[in-house]
N, C-alpha and C. Protein backbone atom coordinates (compact mmCIF):
# COMPACT_ATOMS: atom_id res chain seq x y z
N MET A 1 0.84 -1.16 0.00
CA MET A 1 0.00 0.00 0.00
C MET A 1 0.89 1.23 0.00
N ALA A 2 0.61 2.21 -0.81
CA ALA A 2 1.44 3.39 -0.94
C ALA A 2 1.22 4.35 0.21
N HIS A 3 2.28 5.06 0.57
CA HIS A 3 2.20 6.06 1.62
C HIS A 3 1.85 7.39 0.99
N GLN A 4 0.94 8.11 1.59
CA GLN A 4 0.56 9.42 1.11
C GLN A 4 0.84 10.42 2.22
N ASP A 5 1.77 11.35 2.00
CA ASP A 5 2.12 12.34 3.01
C ASP A 5 1.01 13.36 3.21
N ASP A 6 0.44 13.85 2.12
CA ASP A 6 -0.56 14.89 2.20
C ASP A 6 -1.93 14.34 1.85
N PRO A 7 -2.89 14.49 2.78
CA PRO A 7 -4.24 14.03 2.45
C PRO A 7 -4.86 14.95 1.40
N ALA A 8 -5.89 14.48 0.75
CA ALA A 8 -6.60 15.30 -0.22
C ALA A 8 -7.17 16.52 0.49
N PRO A 9 -7.40 17.63 -0.24
CA PRO A 9 -7.97 18.82 0.39
C PRO A 9 -9.24 18.47 1.17
N GLY A 10 -9.30 18.92 2.40
CA GLY A 10 -10.46 18.65 3.24
C GLY A 10 -10.39 17.33 3.98
N GLN A 11 -9.39 16.49 3.67
CA GLN A 11 -9.25 15.20 4.34
C GLN A 11 -8.19 15.31 5.42
N GLN A 12 -8.49 14.77 6.58
CA GLN A 12 -7.54 14.77 7.68
C GLN A 12 -6.95 13.39 7.85
N HIS A 13 -5.82 13.34 8.53
CA HIS A 13 -5.24 12.05 8.90
C HIS A 13 -5.98 11.55 10.13
N LEU A 14 -6.86 10.61 9.94
CA LEU A 14 -7.63 10.02 11.04
C LEU A 14 -7.13 8.59 11.22
N THR A 15 -6.41 8.36 12.32
CA THR A 15 -5.80 7.06 12.54
C THR A 15 -6.60 6.22 13.51
N THR A 16 -6.49 4.91 13.34
CA THR A 16 -7.11 3.94 14.24
C THR A 16 -6.13 2.78 14.40
N THR A 17 -6.39 1.94 15.37
CA THR A 17 -5.63 0.70 15.49
C THR A 17 -6.60 -0.46 15.32
N VAL A 18 -6.12 -1.51 14.67
CA VAL A 18 -6.95 -2.66 14.35
C VAL A 18 -6.25 -3.92 14.86
N GLU A 19 -6.98 -4.76 15.57
CA GLU A 19 -6.44 -6.03 16.06
C GLU A 19 -6.48 -7.06 14.93
N GLN A 20 -5.36 -7.72 14.72
CA GLN A 20 -5.28 -8.80 13.72
C GLN A 20 -4.61 -9.99 14.40
N GLY A 21 -5.41 -10.82 15.01
CA GLY A 21 -4.87 -11.95 15.75
C GLY A 21 -4.07 -11.47 16.94
N ARG A 22 -2.80 -11.87 17.01
CA ARG A 22 -1.92 -11.45 18.11
C ARG A 22 -1.30 -10.07 17.88
N PHE A 23 -1.58 -9.48 16.75
CA PHE A 23 -0.93 -8.23 16.38
C PHE A 23 -1.92 -7.07 16.32
N CYS A 24 -1.37 -5.87 16.36
CA CYS A 24 -2.14 -4.64 16.26
C CYS A 24 -1.51 -3.81 15.14
N VAL A 25 -2.33 -3.21 14.30
CA VAL A 25 -1.85 -2.43 13.16
C VAL A 25 -2.49 -1.05 13.22
N ALA A 26 -1.68 -0.01 13.00
CA ALA A 26 -2.20 1.36 12.90
C ALA A 26 -2.58 1.61 11.45
N ARG A 27 -3.71 2.27 11.24
CA ARG A 27 -4.17 2.61 9.89
C ARG A 27 -4.66 4.05 9.88
N CYS A 28 -4.63 4.65 8.68
CA CYS A 28 -5.07 6.02 8.52
C CYS A 28 -6.07 6.11 7.37
N ALA A 29 -6.92 7.12 7.43
CA ALA A 29 -7.92 7.34 6.38
C ALA A 29 -7.27 7.64 5.03
N CYS A 30 -6.01 8.13 5.03
CA CYS A 30 -5.34 8.46 3.77
C CYS A 30 -4.81 7.22 3.04
N GLY A 31 -4.87 6.05 3.70
CA GLY A 31 -4.39 4.83 3.07
C GLY A 31 -3.11 4.28 3.68
N TRP A 32 -2.48 5.05 4.55
CA TRP A 32 -1.26 4.61 5.23
C TRP A 32 -1.57 3.47 6.18
N ARG A 33 -0.61 2.55 6.31
CA ARG A 33 -0.75 1.43 7.24
C ARG A 33 0.61 1.17 7.86
N GLY A 34 0.65 1.07 9.17
CA GLY A 34 1.90 0.78 9.87
C GLY A 34 2.16 -0.71 9.92
N PRO A 35 3.31 -1.09 10.45
CA PRO A 35 3.65 -2.51 10.56
C PRO A 35 2.85 -3.19 11.66
N ALA A 36 2.72 -4.49 11.57
CA ALA A 36 2.04 -5.26 12.62
C ALA A 36 2.93 -5.25 13.87
N ARG A 37 2.32 -4.93 14.99
CA ARG A 37 3.04 -4.85 16.26
C ARG A 37 2.37 -5.75 17.28
N ARG A 38 3.15 -6.35 18.16
CA ARG A 38 2.57 -7.13 19.24
C ARG A 38 2.08 -6.23 20.37
N ALA A 39 2.69 -5.07 20.52
CA ALA A 39 2.30 -4.13 21.58
C ALA A 39 1.42 -3.04 21.00
N ARG A 40 0.24 -2.87 21.58
CA ARG A 40 -0.67 -1.82 21.11
C ARG A 40 -0.03 -0.44 21.23
N SER A 41 0.77 -0.26 22.28
CA SER A 41 1.42 1.04 22.48
C SER A 41 2.34 1.39 21.31
N LEU A 42 3.01 0.41 20.73
CA LEU A 42 3.87 0.67 19.58
C LEU A 42 3.05 1.02 18.34
N ALA A 43 1.93 0.37 18.16
CA ALA A 43 1.05 0.70 17.04
C ALA A 43 0.50 2.12 17.19
N ARG A 44 0.15 2.48 18.42
CA ARG A 44 -0.32 3.86 18.65
C ARG A 44 0.79 4.87 18.40
N ALA A 45 2.02 4.52 18.78
CA ALA A 45 3.16 5.41 18.52
C ALA A 45 3.39 5.57 17.02
N ASP A 46 3.23 4.50 16.26
CA ASP A 46 3.34 4.58 14.79
C ASP A 46 2.31 5.57 14.24
N ALA A 47 1.08 5.46 14.75
CA ALA A 47 0.00 6.35 14.29
C ALA A 47 0.31 7.80 14.65
N GLU A 48 0.81 8.03 15.86
CA GLU A 48 1.16 9.39 16.27
C GLU A 48 2.28 9.96 15.39
N GLY A 49 3.26 9.12 15.07
CA GLY A 49 4.33 9.56 14.19
C GLY A 49 3.82 9.92 12.80
N HIS A 50 2.86 9.16 12.32
CA HIS A 50 2.28 9.43 11.01
C HIS A 50 1.53 10.75 11.00
N THR A 51 0.68 10.97 12.00
CA THR A 51 -0.11 12.21 12.03
C THR A 51 0.76 13.42 12.29
N ALA A 52 1.93 13.22 12.93
CA ALA A 52 2.85 14.33 13.17
C ALA A 52 3.67 14.67 11.91
N GLY A 53 3.51 13.86 10.87
CA GLY A 53 4.20 14.13 9.62
C GLY A 53 5.43 13.26 9.40
N GLY A 54 5.76 12.43 10.38
CA GLY A 54 6.90 11.55 10.21
C GLY A 54 6.50 10.32 9.42
N ILE A 55 7.43 9.77 8.68
CA ILE A 55 7.16 8.55 7.93
C ILE A 55 7.67 7.41 8.78
N THR A 56 6.73 6.61 9.31
CA THR A 56 7.09 5.47 10.13
C THR A 56 6.39 4.23 9.61
N GLY A 57 6.88 3.10 10.00
CA GLY A 57 6.22 1.86 9.63
C GLY A 57 6.63 1.35 8.28
N ALA A 58 6.19 0.15 7.96
CA ALA A 58 6.58 -0.54 6.74
C ALA A 58 6.07 0.17 5.49
N ALA A 59 4.87 0.74 5.55
CA ALA A 59 4.30 1.37 4.38
C ALA A 59 5.03 2.65 4.01
N GLY A 60 5.73 3.25 4.96
CA GLY A 60 6.47 4.47 4.68
C GLY A 60 7.89 4.23 4.23
N ALA A 61 8.32 2.97 4.23
CA ALA A 61 9.70 2.66 3.87
C ALA A 61 9.91 2.70 2.38
């Protein structure tokens, strides 16, 4: 999935975390997706880094 730094006009970076079995993944409305993490706190940190403008996670590599 491609990383998009700038959302479309009027679109905000709205992040959530999603449980996938033993892992947690951060996702954003712009299409960004972080790496699968075992710790929810790390997935939340990935999401915070994304909304702050930093490129984190596998999708940003």
